[in-house]
Amino acid sequence: MELVHPLVEAYAAKYSSPDIGLLELIQSETNSSHPHAHMLSSPVQGKMLSFLSKMIHPERILEIGSFTGYSALCLAEGLTNSGELHTIELRPEDAQTAASNFSKSNMNKQIHLHIGNAKEIIPTLPYEWDLVFIDADKTGYIDYYELIVPRLSKNGWIIADNVLFHGQVLEEPLSGKNAKAIHAFNEHVLADERTEQILLTIRDGLFLIKLKHS
């Protein structure tokens, strides 16, 4: 299902600041050579991630799903001078590409790449998170969320990607394991009394989630 008209997407891109340097290179190389390039965040979404990070100015960022490193570099733009970004990638080939891209960044020393199963790695990272970006296997979203919420800092934020899942969450009945998993995640977040949230219709849907404060 086409959620946003291509002309609207193009218009938004035209009037958004473009990628430059390394980010532009990663976009070009991923789109031209990766068989799953559709998984890459668009430049408009990347700029949104960068803006949110700069507004939050996080000390600790966690990313679940590195892919080729583009979104991590966007998020890293808002880090404090002493801050760190930890990103987790299951697929070794994509992790290798991300590592190569990180090595070209002047923020390389602040980015820590972990290769393996995020459900096993997250509990080993002894931090409170100021910003978390979930963009990994859709069937794992609820598990990731439950691992993260208790470890959010007081003013921490979660950003979850693909929460409209190509419009398939609107179908009745739902079909496909990923659409069902994303719909279940959206329902799970909605019912969680610990948090409040807003679902944005940017590209394939972004969920912004934060802790409630009494």
C-alpha atoms as a PDB file:
ATOM      1  CA  MET A   1       0.000   0.000   0.000  1.00  0.00           C
ATOM      2  CA  GLU A   2       1.334   3.441  -0.939  1.00  0.00           C
ATOM      3  CA  LEU A   3       1.002   5.508   2.247  1.00  0.00           C
ATOM      4  CA  VAL A   4       2.590   8.752   1.075  1.00  0.00           C
ATOM      5  CA  HIS A   5       2.375   9.910  -2.544  1.00  0.00           C
ATOM      6  CA  PRO A   6       5.793   9.811  -4.284  1.00  0.00           C
ATOM      7  CA  LEU A   7       5.398  13.452  -5.314  1.00  0.00           C
ATOM      8  CA  VAL A   8       4.918  14.411  -1.662  1.00  0.00           C
ATOM      9  CA  GLU A   9       8.003  12.386  -0.695  1.00  0.00           C
ATOM     10  CA  ALA A  10       9.991  14.129  -3.429  1.00  0.00           C
ATOM     11  CA  TYR A  11       8.719  17.556  -2.369  1.00  0.00           C
ATOM     12  CA  ALA A  12       9.675  16.864   1.264  1.00  0.00           C
ATOM     13  CA  ALA A  13      13.141  15.752   0.170  1.00  0.00           C
ATOM     14  CA  LYS A  14      13.578  18.864  -1.981  1.00  0.00           C
ATOM     15  CA  TYR A  15      12.895  21.185   0.948  1.00  0.00           C
ATOM     16  CA  SER A  16      14.902  19.233   3.538  1.00  0.00           C
ATOM     17  CA  SER A  17      18.627  19.719   4.049  1.00  0.00           C
ATOM     18  CA  PRO A  18      20.413  17.098   1.929  1.00  0.00           C
ATOM     19  CA  ASP A  19      22.924  14.518   3.048  1.00  0.00           C
ATOM     20  CA  ILE A  20      26.507  15.539   2.467  1.00  0.00           C
ATOM     21  CA  GLY A  21      29.848  13.775   2.692  1.00  0.00           C
ATOM     22  CA  LEU A  22      29.824  10.349   4.300  1.00  0.00           C
ATOM     23  CA  LEU A  23      26.044  10.131   4.711  1.00  0.00           C
ATOM     24  CA  GLU A  24      25.552  10.863   1.025  1.00  0.00           C
ATOM     25  CA  LEU A  25      28.159   8.231   0.163  1.00  0.00           C
ATOM     26  CA  ILE A  26      26.462   5.565   2.319  1.00  0.00           C
ATOM     27  CA  GLN A  27      23.096   6.331   0.717  1.00  0.00           C
ATOM     28  CA  SER A  28      24.591   6.007  -2.756  1.00  0.00           C
ATOM     29  CA  GLU A  29      26.592   2.836  -2.112  1.00  0.00           C
ATOM     30  CA  THR A  30      23.805   1.050  -0.225  1.00  0.00           C
ATOM     31  CA  ASN A  31      21.151   1.895  -2.814  1.00  0.00           C
ATOM     32  CA  SER A  32      23.372   0.852  -5.711  1.00  0.00           C
ATOM     33  CA  SER A  33      24.811  -2.382  -4.339  1.00  0.00           C
ATOM     34  CA  HIS A  34      22.846  -3.810  -1.392  1.00  0.00           C
ATOM     35  CA  PRO A  35      20.148  -6.385  -2.242  1.00  0.00           C
ATOM     36  CA  HIS A  36      17.997  -5.083   0.630  1.00  0.00           C
ATOM     37  CA  ALA A  37      18.555  -1.373   0.089  1.00  0.00           C
ATOM     38  CA  HIS A  38      14.861  -0.714   0.837  1.00  0.00           C
ATOM     39  CA  MET A  39      15.750  -1.218   4.509  1.00  0.00           C
ATOM     40  CA  LEU A  40      17.869   1.954   4.503  1.00  0.00           C
ATOM     41  CA  SER A  41      16.421   5.068   6.125  1.00  0.00           C
ATOM     42  CA  SER A  42      15.662   7.789   3.590  1.00  0.00           C
ATOM     43  CA  PRO A  43      17.570  11.096   3.750  1.00  0.00           C
ATOM     44  CA  VAL A  44      14.455  12.827   5.126  1.00  0.00           C
ATOM     45  CA  GLN A  45      14.107  10.205   7.850  1.00  0.00           C
ATOM     46  CA  GLY A  46      17.837  10.392   8.525  1.00  0.00           C
ATOM     47  CA  LYS A  47      17.585  14.147   9.000  1.00  0.00           C
ATOM     48  CA  MET A  48      14.639  13.589  11.347  1.00  0.00           C
ATOM     49  CA  LEU A  49      16.744  11.195  13.443  1.00  0.00           C
ATOM     50  CA  SER A  50      19.568  13.710  13.490  1.00  0.00           C
ATOM     51  CA  PHE A  51      17.257  16.556  14.563  1.00  0.00           C
ATOM     52  CA  LEU A  52      15.674  14.479  17.343  1.00  0.00           C
ATOM     53  CA  SER A  53      19.088  13.479  18.648  1.00  0.00           C
ATOM     54  CA  LYS A  54      20.303  17.080  18.588  1.00  0.00           C
ATOM     55  CA  MET A  55      17.204  18.151  20.537  1.00  0.00           C
ATOM     56  CA  ILE A  56      17.694  15.432  23.153  1.00  0.00           C
ATOM     57  CA  HIS A  57      21.515  15.788  23.271  1.00  0.00           C
ATOM     58  CA  PRO A  58      21.962  12.235  24.616  1.00  0.00           C
ATOM     59  CA  GLU A  59      24.882  10.845  26.567  1.00  0.00           C
ATOM     60  CA  ARG A  60      24.011   7.232  25.685  1.00  0.00           C
ATOM     61  CA  ILE A  61      22.316   6.020  22.497  1.00  0.00           C
ATOM     62  CA  LEU A  62      21.342   2.428  21.701  1.00  0.00           C
ATOM     63  CA  GLU A  63      20.505   1.339  18.169  1.00  0.00           C
ATOM     64  CA  ILE A  64      19.049  -2.098  17.467  1.00  0.00           C
ATOM     65  CA  GLY A  65      19.724  -2.853  13.815  1.00  0.00           C
ATOM     66  CA  SER A  66      22.820  -1.158  12.363  1.00  0.00           C
ATOM     67  CA  PHE A  67      22.358  -2.205   8.709  1.00  0.00           C
ATOM     68  CA  THR A  68      25.073  -0.287   6.815  1.00  0.00           C
ATOM     69  CA  GLY A  69      25.594   2.363   9.489  1.00  0.00           C
ATOM     70  CA  TYR A  70      23.634   5.285   8.048  1.00  0.00           C
ATOM     71  CA  SER A  71      21.083   5.757  10.828  1.00  0.00           C
ATOM     72  CA  ALA A  72      23.727   5.371  13.558  1.00  0.00           C
ATOM     73  CA  LEU A  73      25.747   8.207  12.058  1.00  0.00           C
ATOM     74  CA  CYS A  74      22.617  10.358  11.854  1.00  0.00           C
ATOM     75  CA  LEU A  75      21.799   9.676  15.504  1.00  0.00           C
ATOM     76  CA  ALA A  76      25.398  10.237  16.600  1.00  0.00           C
ATOM     77  CA  GLU A  77      25.229  13.855  15.440  1.00  0.00           C
ATOM     78  CA  GLY A  78      23.418  14.784  18.677  1.00  0.00           C
ATOM     79  CA  LEU A  79      25.760  13.028  21.113  1.00  0.00           C
ATOM     80  CA  THR A  80      27.410  14.973  23.900  1.00  0.00           C
ATOM     81  CA  ASN A  81      31.175  15.345  23.587  1.00  0.00           C
ATOM     82  CA  SER A  82      31.684  12.449  26.007  1.00  0.00           C
ATOM     83  CA  GLY A  83      28.703  10.431  24.743  1.00  0.00           C
ATOM     84  CA  GLU A  84      28.609   6.971  23.217  1.00  0.00           C
ATOM     85  CA  LEU A  85      26.422   5.204  20.688  1.00  0.00           C
ATOM     86  CA  HIS A  86      26.102   1.429  20.885  1.00  0.00           C
ATOM     87  CA  THR A  87      24.680  -0.240  17.785  1.00  0.00           C
ATOM     88  CA  ILE A  88      23.840  -3.935  17.372  1.00  0.00           C
ATOM     89  CA  GLU A  89      23.780  -5.859  14.095  1.00  0.00           C
ATOM     90  CA  LEU A  90      22.934  -9.534  13.692  1.00  0.00           C
ATOM     91  CA  ARG A  91      24.260 -10.023  10.151  1.00  0.00           C
ATOM     92  CA  PRO A  92      28.086 -10.150   9.968  1.00  0.00           C
ATOM     93  CA  GLU A  93      28.261  -8.848   6.391  1.00  0.00           C
ATOM     94  CA  ASP A  94      26.192  -5.756   7.196  1.00  0.00           C
ATOM     95  CA  ALA A  95      28.165  -5.259  10.409  1.00  0.00           C
ATOM     96  CA  GLN A  96      31.381  -5.298   8.389  1.00  0.00           C
ATOM     97  CA  THR A  97      29.996  -2.644   6.045  1.00  0.00           C
ATOM     98  CA  ALA A  98      28.821  -0.527   8.973  1.00  0.00           C
ATOM     99  CA  ALA A  99      32.219  -0.813  10.659  1.00  0.00           C
ATOM    100  CA  SER A 100      33.914   0.340   7.466  1.00  0.00           C
ATOM    101  CA  ASN A 101      31.567   3.320   7.249  1.00  0.00           C
ATOM    102  CA  PHE A 102      32.073   4.212  10.903  1.00  0.00           C
ATOM    103  CA  SER A 103      35.847   4.158  10.412  1.00  0.00           C
ATOM    104  CA  LYS A 104      35.475   7.037   7.948  1.00  0.00           C
ATOM    105  CA  SER A 105      33.644   9.218  10.478  1.00  0.00           C
ATOM    106  CA  ASN A 106      35.247  11.660  12.903  1.00  0.00           C
ATOM    107  CA  MET A 107      32.859  10.198  15.509  1.00  0.00           C
ATOM    108  CA  ASN A 108      34.269   6.698  15.116  1.00  0.00           C
ATOM    109  CA  LYS A 109      35.646   6.558  18.670  1.00  0.00           C
ATOM    110  CA  GLN A 110      32.193   7.297  20.090  1.00  0.00           C
ATOM    111  CA  ILE A 111      30.470   4.509  18.149  1.00  0.00           C
ATOM    112  CA  HIS A 112      30.611   0.926  19.437  1.00  0.00           C
ATOM    113  CA  LEU A 113      29.432  -1.851  17.130  1.00  0.00           C
ATOM    114  CA  HIS A 114      28.214  -5.150  18.590  1.00  0.00           C
ATOM    115  CA  ILE A 115      27.648  -8.179  16.361  1.00  0.00           C
ATOM    116  CA  GLY A 116      25.108 -10.793  17.389  1.00  0.00           C
ATOM    117  CA  ASN A 117      21.665 -11.288  18.920  1.00  0.00           C
ATOM    118  CA  ALA A 118      20.387  -8.051  20.451  1.00  0.00           C
ATOM    119  CA  LYS A 119      18.313  -9.908  23.034  1.00  0.00           C
ATOM    120  CA  GLU A 120      21.534 -11.391  24.386  1.00  0.00           C
ATOM    121  CA  ILE A 121      23.694  -8.282  23.997  1.00  0.00           C
ATOM    122  CA  ILE A 122      21.390  -5.622  25.486  1.00  0.00           C
ATOM    123  CA  PRO A 123      21.468  -7.079  29.039  1.00  0.00           C
ATOM    124  CA  THR A 124      25.285  -6.983  28.973  1.00  0.00           C
ATOM    125  CA  LEU A 125      25.435  -3.222  28.340  1.00  0.00           C
ATOM    126  CA  PRO A 126      25.452  -1.541  31.790  1.00  0.00           C
ATOM    127  CA  TYR A 127      23.910   1.794  30.843  1.00  0.00           C
ATOM    128  CA  GLU A 128      20.800   3.881  31.118  1.00  0.00           C
ATOM    129  CA  TRP A 129      19.728   4.977  27.672  1.00  0.00           C
ATOM    130  CA  ASP A 130      18.819   8.527  26.705  1.00  0.00           C
ATOM    131  CA  LEU A 131      17.796   7.562  23.166  1.00  0.00           C
ATOM    132  CA  VAL A 132      17.003   4.163  21.637  1.00  0.00           C
ATOM    133  CA  PHE A 133      16.293   3.437  17.976  1.00  0.00           C
ATOM    134  CA  ILE A 134      14.596   0.101  17.196  1.00  0.00           C
ATOM    135  CA  ASP A 135      14.893  -0.947  13.557  1.00  0.00           C
ATOM    136  CA  ALA A 136      15.489  -4.691  13.563  1.00  0.00           C
ATOM    137  CA  ASP A 137      13.443  -7.890  13.157  1.00  0.00           C
ATOM    138  CA  LYS A 138       9.802  -6.954  13.593  1.00  0.00           C
ATOM    139  CA  THR A 139       8.895 -10.072  15.564  1.00  0.00           C
ATOM    140  CA  GLY A 140      11.372  -8.994  18.244  1.00  0.00           C
ATOM    141  CA  TYR A 141      10.055  -5.475  18.841  1.00  0.00           C
ATOM    142  CA  ILE A 142       8.083  -6.277  22.012  1.00  0.00           C
ATOM    143  CA  ASP A 143      11.032  -8.139  23.514  1.00  0.00           C
ATOM    144  CA  TYR A 144      13.397  -5.261  22.730  1.00  0.00           C
ATOM    145  CA  TYR A 145      10.932  -2.775  24.173  1.00  0.00           C
ATOM    146  CA  GLU A 146      10.619  -4.697  27.420  1.00  0.00           C
ATOM    147  CA  LEU A 147      14.401  -4.940  27.732  1.00  0.00           C
ATOM    148  CA  ILE A 148      14.779  -1.220  27.167  1.00  0.00           C
ATOM    149  CA  VAL A 149      11.989   0.496  29.115  1.00  0.00           C
ATOM    150  CA  PRO A 150      13.414  -0.363  32.566  1.00  0.00           C
ATOM    151  CA  ARG A 151      16.789   0.988  31.405  1.00  0.00           C
ATOM    152  CA  LEU A 152      15.594   4.314  30.011  1.00  0.00           C
ATOM    153  CA  SER A 153      16.941   7.420  31.703  1.00  0.00           C
ATOM    154  CA  LYS A 154      14.377   9.705  33.321  1.00  0.00           C
ATOM    155  CA  ASN A 155      14.070  11.762  30.140  1.00  0.00           C
ATOM    156  CA  GLY A 156      14.911   8.944  27.733  1.00  0.00           C
ATOM    157  CA  TRP A 157      13.203   8.353  24.398  1.00  0.00           C
ATOM    158  CA  ILE A 158      12.525   5.329  22.204  1.00  0.00           C
ATOM    159  CA  ILE A 159      12.111   5.671  18.436  1.00  0.00           C
ATOM    160  CA  ALA A 160      10.653   2.592  16.732  1.00  0.00           C
ATOM    161  CA  ASP A 161      10.749   2.378  12.939  1.00  0.00           C
ATOM    162  CA  ASN A 162       8.399   0.695  10.447  1.00  0.00           C
ATOM    163  CA  VAL A 163       5.382   0.824  12.755  1.00  0.00           C
ATOM    164  CA  LEU A 164       3.033   1.158   9.763  1.00  0.00           C
ATOM    165  CA  PHE A 165       4.800  -1.692   7.961  1.00  0.00           C
ATOM    166  CA  HIS A 166       4.016  -0.628   4.392  1.00  0.00           C
ATOM    167  CA  GLY A 167       0.390  -0.062   5.336  1.00  0.00           C
ATOM    168  CA  GLN A 168      -0.141  -3.740   6.091  1.00  0.00           C
ATOM    169  CA  VAL A 169      -1.180  -2.936   9.680  1.00  0.00           C
ATOM    170  CA  LEU A 170      -4.318  -1.360   8.186  1.00  0.00           C
ATOM    171  CA  GLU A 171      -5.452  -4.523   6.439  1.00  0.00           C
ATOM    172  CA  GLU A 172      -8.367  -6.575   7.721  1.00  0.00           C
ATOM    173  CA  PRO A 173      -7.693  -9.300   8.426  1.00  0.00           C
ATOM    174  CA  LEU A 174      -4.000  -8.883   9.120  1.00  0.00           C
ATOM    175  CA  SER A 175      -1.767 -11.205   7.141  1.00  0.00           C
ATOM    176  CA  GLY A 176       1.945 -11.877   7.337  1.00  0.00           C
ATOM    177  CA  LYS A 177       3.968 -12.433  10.486  1.00  0.00           C
ATOM    178  CA  ASN A 178       5.712  -9.050  10.358  1.00  0.00           C
ATOM    179  CA  ALA A 179       2.508  -7.037  10.009  1.00  0.00           C
ATOM    180  CA  LYS A 180       0.954  -9.034  12.847  1.00  0.00           C
ATOM    181  CA  ALA A 181       4.052  -8.524  14.994  1.00  0.00           C
ATOM    182  CA  ILE A 182       4.139  -4.766  14.377  1.00  0.00           C
ATOM    183  CA  HIS A 183       0.420  -4.409  15.104  1.00  0.00           C
ATOM    184  CA  ALA A 184       0.914  -6.381  18.330  1.00  0.00           C
ATOM    185  CA  PHE A 185       3.818  -4.081  19.251  1.00  0.00           C
ATOM    186  CA  ASN A 186       1.734  -0.967  18.598  1.00  0.00           C
ATOM    187  CA  GLU A 187      -1.055  -2.367  20.779  1.00  0.00           C
ATOM    188  CA  HIS A 188       1.489  -3.294  23.469  1.00  0.00           C
ATOM    189  CA  VAL A 189       2.870   0.245  23.592  1.00  0.00           C
ATOM    190  CA  LEU A 190      -0.606   1.771  23.613  1.00  0.00           C
ATOM    191  CA  ALA A 191      -1.570  -0.339  26.641  1.00  0.00           C
ATOM    192  CA  ASP A 192       1.639   0.353  28.583  1.00  0.00           C
ATOM    193  CA  GLU A 193       0.851   2.621  31.545  1.00  0.00           C
ATOM    194  CA  ARG A 194       4.551   3.392  32.046  1.00  0.00           C
ATOM    195  CA  THR A 195       4.886   5.351  28.821  1.00  0.00           C
ATOM    196  CA  GLU A 196       3.251   7.869  26.502  1.00  0.00           C
ATOM    197  CA  GLN A 197       3.695   7.979  22.771  1.00  0.00           C
ATOM    198  CA  ILE A 198       2.957   9.531  19.410  1.00  0.00           C
ATOM    199  CA  LEU A 199       2.908   7.681  16.080  1.00  0.00           C
ATOM    200  CA  LEU A 200       4.223   9.791  13.209  1.00  0.00           C
ATOM    201  CA  THR A 201       3.387   9.042   9.585  1.00  0.00           C
ATOM    202  CA  ILE A 202       6.928   9.691   8.355  1.00  0.00           C
ATOM    203  CA  ARG A 203       7.881   7.246   5.599  1.00  0.00           C
ATOM    204  CA  ASP A 204       6.963   3.816   7.052  1.00  0.00           C
ATOM    205  CA  GLY A 205       5.904   5.142  10.448  1.00  0.00           C
ATOM    206  CA  LEU A 206       7.946   6.262  13.455  1.00  0.00           C
ATOM    207  CA  PHE A 207       6.804   5.709  17.041  1.00  0.00           C
ATOM    208  CA  LEU A 208       8.155   8.229  19.570  1.00  0.00           C
ATOM    209  CA  ILE A 209       7.866   6.869  23.107  1.00  0.00           C
ATOM    210  CA  LYS A 210       8.862   8.326  26.469  1.00  0.00           C
ATOM    211  CA  LEU A 211       8.335   7.554  30.129  1.00  0.00           C
ATOM    212  CA  LYS A 212       5.403   9.166  31.927  1.00  0.00           C
ATOM    213  CA  HIS A 213       6.283  11.386  34.874  1.00  0.00           C
ATOM    214  CA  SER A 214       3.922  11.670  37.828  1.00  0.00           C
END
